[in-house]
């Protein structure tokens, strides 16, 4: 029998007249609207003791919704001999320089070929169950098409300690990104809660303060390519889904190549050379690289800091942009 996780959601005054699925989407930003609709239709939503199977049902303020969510079926994790670029390894942890295009952990649609599959082969069965059976050893994630540094724990003590460091913001995480336009000011602090986009539920967005999760990104411009583009460093104070991509888009400077948050930037192509436009047409990912990762070793206390070179595709993009400036 599948395990069930339950959520209790209070219907607030601002929810008056809203559909049940919209109320749940506001309260549970980590769930897509379609997922919530399916859960409601399957009988997972109970309002004051009555099962409501209609997503369009209008709920009244003051009521309480109980949503039951079955845990997803476990995936079989298969070790795979996939080459890894290892920046550091000891008996407690491993730091990997992940290439763009590699998913961190298996999920429906990406059952193999992931970083977890590669790490299981590298470390053996000892990693199974560390930090949970679905994502053994994984402490944090970077997007499939983001390249760069990621740390994996090799035992429970290390996993717990590293997770606590991330939660306490006691990790140095610096990314480099190529963005459209020249940020003004050239450095700054972006603070804005991140949650599901109110219309496009598969996307994340900066949302109202009462919604989403608190997120802070610090940025500074490292190199300007005329006024058409810039290389920026982004330092994470928090680690939300798509945080840098969402925050830079929010201030009007989406990442080059971003197929999700950078689609509207096609109108800016006049700010770069034809050669850069031609190269960008073959650049099939967001120009984002996890360049620096630093933390105190959770067991020895030693200060560790790692730096990864920009991959060739981003270097080539920058070369083409320099010819524009």
Foldseek 3Di string as FASTA:
>chain_A
DFDKDKDKAAAAPVLAFAFQLLSVCQVCQVDFSVRSLVQLLVQQKDKPNRRHNHRRDRDHGPIMIMGIDTDDDAADAAADQDDWAWPDDDQWKTKTFFAAQAFAFDDVVRRDRHVQNPVCNVLPPQQAQQVHNRRGQAQDGDHNRATGIGMGTRHNLQSVLSNVCQVVLQKKWKKKFKWFFQDVVQWDKFWFAKGADSPRRVDIAGDDPVGHHTWMKTKHFDADLQGGITIMMIITSHDDVCRVQRRCVVRPIHFQQDPPSCPVVPVSVVQADPQLVVLSVVRHHGRMYRAKIWHQRSPPRHTDMGGDDRDPSSVVSVVRSNVGD
